[in-house]
């Protein structure tokens, strides 16, 4: 009823290699599933990994049966499969995150009005206003960057502010009339 006694370790592969593999599989499947479940946190995934490792062992069983510890080979394959699956999952999740649409809040009406008014300024005035008020550059820094006299930058800023005030006043009056 109990079948033939197991072969001593290190003995040659028995004539019924399939029977020996079957015994090996039944003797170690559960313990490997427990180990891989602890590693992956998912019993179903652990069962799949161990099953795959044993399938690979079966294809090489004539060689593995001669190993001192064929279980170590199967365990290593199962753990490698688990690690590879985790790495592929992590890569896929990173890719999916990069594919997500990002929703940016639309600009406020004030921002739209300012952008529109800035677009109406001549390029030199617009550059001076942006560098001074948004980039926080001094008149001297703008003059050095643009290679003009400081008085020229002051003139651009004065004219730019006056034009912006006119454009923004027109925009806000148009909104109030609606």
Protein backbone atom coordinates (compact mmCIF):
# COMPACT_ATOMS: atom_id res chain seq x y z
CA UNK A 1 0.00 0.00 0.00
CA UNK A 2 2.77 2.46 0.84
CA UNK A 3 4.69 1.82 -2.41
CA UNK A 4 8.38 1.14 -2.74
CA UNK A 5 10.72 2.64 -0.17
CA UNK A 6 12.31 5.92 -1.21
CA UNK A 7 15.75 5.78 -2.77
CA UNK A 8 18.60 6.83 -0.53
CA UNK A 9 20.01 10.31 -1.27
CA UNK A 10 22.58 10.37 -4.06
CA UNK A 11 21.38 7.12 -5.65
CA UNK A 12 21.01 6.98 -9.43
CA UNK A 13 17.74 7.96 -11.05
CA UNK A 14 15.24 5.10 -10.70
CA UNK A 15 13.82 3.47 -13.79
CA UNK A 16 10.50 5.09 -13.02
CA UNK A 17 11.71 8.70 -13.07
CA UNK A 18 8.15 9.97 -13.46
CA UNK A 19 7.09 8.21 -10.28
CA UNK A 20 10.09 9.69 -8.43
CA UNK A 21 9.21 13.18 -9.68
CA UNK A 22 5.60 12.68 -8.62
CA UNK A 23 6.74 11.80 -5.08
CA UNK A 24 9.13 14.75 -5.05
CA UNK A 25 6.36 17.09 -6.18
CA UNK A 26 3.87 15.88 -3.58
CA UNK A 27 6.46 15.99 -0.82
CA UNK A 28 7.48 19.61 -1.39
CA UNK A 29 4.72 21.52 -3.20
CA UNK A 30 2.89 22.74 -0.08
CA UNK A 31 5.98 23.91 1.79
CA UNK A 32 7.14 25.91 -1.24
CA UNK A 33 3.70 27.45 -1.62
CA UNK A 34 3.80 28.53 2.04
CA UNK A 35 7.21 30.16 1.49
CA UNK A 36 6.17 31.95 -1.70
CA UNK A 37 2.87 33.06 -0.17
CA UNK A 38 4.83 34.77 2.58
CA UNK A 39 7.04 36.39 -0.07
CA UNK A 40 4.32 37.51 -2.50
CA UNK A 41 1.41 38.00 -0.12
CA UNK A 42 -0.86 36.17 -2.58
CA UNK A 43 -1.55 32.46 -2.26
CA UNK A 44 -2.85 32.05 -5.81
CA UNK A 45 0.21 33.76 -7.24
CA UNK A 46 2.46 31.62 -5.02
CA UNK A 47 0.78 28.45 -6.28
CA UNK A 48 1.31 29.58 -9.87
CA UNK A 49 4.98 30.32 -9.24
CA UNK A 50 5.64 26.99 -7.54
CA UNK A 51 3.72 25.13 -10.24
CA UNK A 52 5.82 26.85 -12.92
CA UNK A 53 9.03 25.99 -11.06
CA UNK A 54 8.00 22.33 -10.84
CA UNK A 55 7.10 22.31 -14.56
CA UNK A 56 10.59 23.53 -15.34
CA UNK A 57 12.05 20.95 -12.98
CA UNK A 58 10.10 18.19 -14.71
CA UNK A 59 11.61 19.07 -18.09
CA UNK A 60 15.10 18.72 -16.55
CA UNK A 61 14.28 15.95 -14.09
CA UNK A 62 16.77 13.40 -15.45
CA UNK A 63 19.57 15.83 -14.54
CA UNK A 64 18.00 17.36 -11.39
CA UNK A 65 17.32 13.97 -9.83
CA UNK A 66 21.08 13.49 -9.53
CA UNK A 67 21.56 16.76 -7.60
CA UNK A 68 22.28 16.56 -3.89
CA UNK A 69 19.34 18.88 -3.27
CA UNK A 70 16.93 19.20 -6.23
CA UNK A 71 14.53 21.04 -3.93
CA UNK A 72 17.03 23.92 -3.68
CA UNK A 73 16.93 24.25 -7.48
CA UNK A 74 13.12 24.30 -7.56
CA UNK A 75 13.00 26.78 -4.67
CA UNK A 76 15.47 29.11 -6.40
CA UNK A 77 13.51 28.97 -9.66
CA UNK A 78 10.23 29.73 -7.85
CA UNK A 79 11.78 32.67 -5.99
CA UNK A 80 13.34 34.01 -9.21
CA UNK A 81 9.99 33.74 -10.97
CA UNK A 82 8.35 35.64 -8.10
CA UNK A 83 11.00 38.34 -8.19
CA UNK A 84 10.74 38.67 -11.99
CA UNK A 85 6.97 38.90 -11.82
CA UNK A 86 7.22 41.60 -9.14
CA UNK A 87 9.75 43.54 -11.25
CA UNK A 88 7.53 43.33 -14.35
CA UNK A 89 4.55 44.50 -12.32
CA UNK A 90 6.50 47.45 -10.94
CA UNK A 91 7.64 48.42 -14.46
CA UNK A 92 4.09 48.14 -15.79
CA UNK A 93 2.72 50.28 -12.95
CA UNK A 94 5.36 52.95 -13.56
CA UNK A 95 4.48 52.94 -17.26
CA UNK A 96 0.77 53.25 -16.50
CA UNK A 97 1.40 56.17 -14.16
CA UNK A 98 3.27 57.97 -16.94
CA UNK A 99 0.33 57.37 -19.31
CA UNK A 100 -2.21 58.95 -17.00
CA UNK A 101 -3.78 62.19 -18.02
CA UNK A 102 -2.88 64.99 -15.69
CA UNK A 103 -5.53 67.56 -15.11
CA UNK A 104 -4.24 71.03 -14.48
CA UNK A 105 -6.56 73.62 -13.10
CA UNK A 106 -7.54 76.11 -15.72
CA UNK A 107 -6.07 79.57 -15.35
CA UNK A 108 -8.07 82.14 -13.44
CA UNK A 109 -9.78 84.94 -15.38
CA UNK A 110 -7.20 87.36 -13.97
CA UNK A 111 -4.36 85.22 -15.31
CA UNK A 112 -6.00 85.03 -18.73
CA UNK A 113 -6.45 88.81 -18.76
CA UNK A 114 -2.82 89.36 -17.76
CA UNK A 115 -1.52 86.95 -20.41
CA UNK A 116 -3.66 88.64 -23.04
CA UNK A 117 -2.47 92.09 -21.98
CA UNK A 118 1.19 90.97 -21.95
CA UNK A 119 0.79 89.55 -25.45
CA UNK A 120 -0.29 92.99 -26.69
CA UNK A 121 2.93 94.67 -25.48
CA UNK A 122 5.86 95.18 -27.84
CA UNK A 123 8.49 92.43 -27.31
CA UNK A 124 11.07 94.63 -25.52
CA UNK A 125 8.51 96.04 -23.08
CA UNK A 126 7.03 92.59 -22.47
CA UNK A 127 10.50 91.12 -21.80
CA UNK A 128 11.35 93.95 -19.39
CA UNK A 129 8.07 93.59 -17.48
CA UNK A 130 8.37 89.81 -17.23
CA UNK A 131 12.03 89.91 -16.15
CA UNK A 132 11.40 92.62 -13.57
CA UNK A 133 8.09 91.49 -12.05
CA UNK A 134 8.09 87.74 -12.58
CA UNK A 135 11.80 86.87 -12.58
CA UNK A 136 12.61 89.51 -9.91
CA UNK A 137 15.58 90.95 -11.81
CA UNK A 138 16.70 94.46 -11.02
CA UNK A 139 16.84 97.23 -13.60
CA UNK A 140 20.64 96.90 -13.67
CA UNK A 141 20.44 93.10 -14.23
CA UNK A 142 17.94 93.53 -17.07
CA UNK A 143 20.11 96.24 -18.64
CA UNK A 144 23.17 93.97 -18.49
CA UNK A 145 21.24 91.01 -19.94
CA UNK A 146 19.67 93.07 -22.76
CA UNK A 147 22.89 95.08 -23.32
CA UNK A 148 21.17 98.45 -23.05
CA UNK A 149 21.41 101.41 -20.68
CA UNK A 150 19.48 101.32 -17.39
CA UNK A 151 17.48 104.34 -18.56
CA UNK A 152 16.27 102.33 -21.54
CA UNK A 153 15.05 99.54 -19.24
CA UNK A 154 13.28 102.11 -17.03
CA UNK A 155 11.60 103.51 -20.13
CA UNK A 156 10.47 100.04 -21.25
CA UNK A 157 9.11 99.31 -17.80
CA UNK A 158 7.26 102.65 -17.59
CA UNK A 159 5.69 102.24 -21.04
CA UNK A 160 4.94 98.55 -20.40
CA UNK A 161 3.16 99.30 -17.08
CA UNK A 162 1.11 102.08 -18.70
CA UNK A 163 0.08 99.83 -21.60
CA UNK A 164 -0.75 96.96 -19.22
CA UNK A 165 -2.90 99.24 -17.08
CA UNK A 166 -4.82 100.35 -20.16
CA UNK A 167 -5.30 96.81 -21.47
CA UNK A 168 -6.32 95.44 -18.06
CA UNK A 169 -8.70 98.36 -17.42
CA UNK A 170 -10.36 97.72 -20.79
CA UNK A 171 -10.66 94.01 -19.97
CA UNK A 172 -12.21 94.54 -16.52
CA UNK A 173 -14.61 97.20 -17.78
CA UNK A 174 -15.74 94.81 -20.51
CA UNK A 175 -16.42 92.15 -17.87
CA UNK A 176 -18.47 94.55 -15.72
CA UNK A 177 -20.60 95.61 -18.68
CA UNK A 178 -21.72 92.02 -19.31
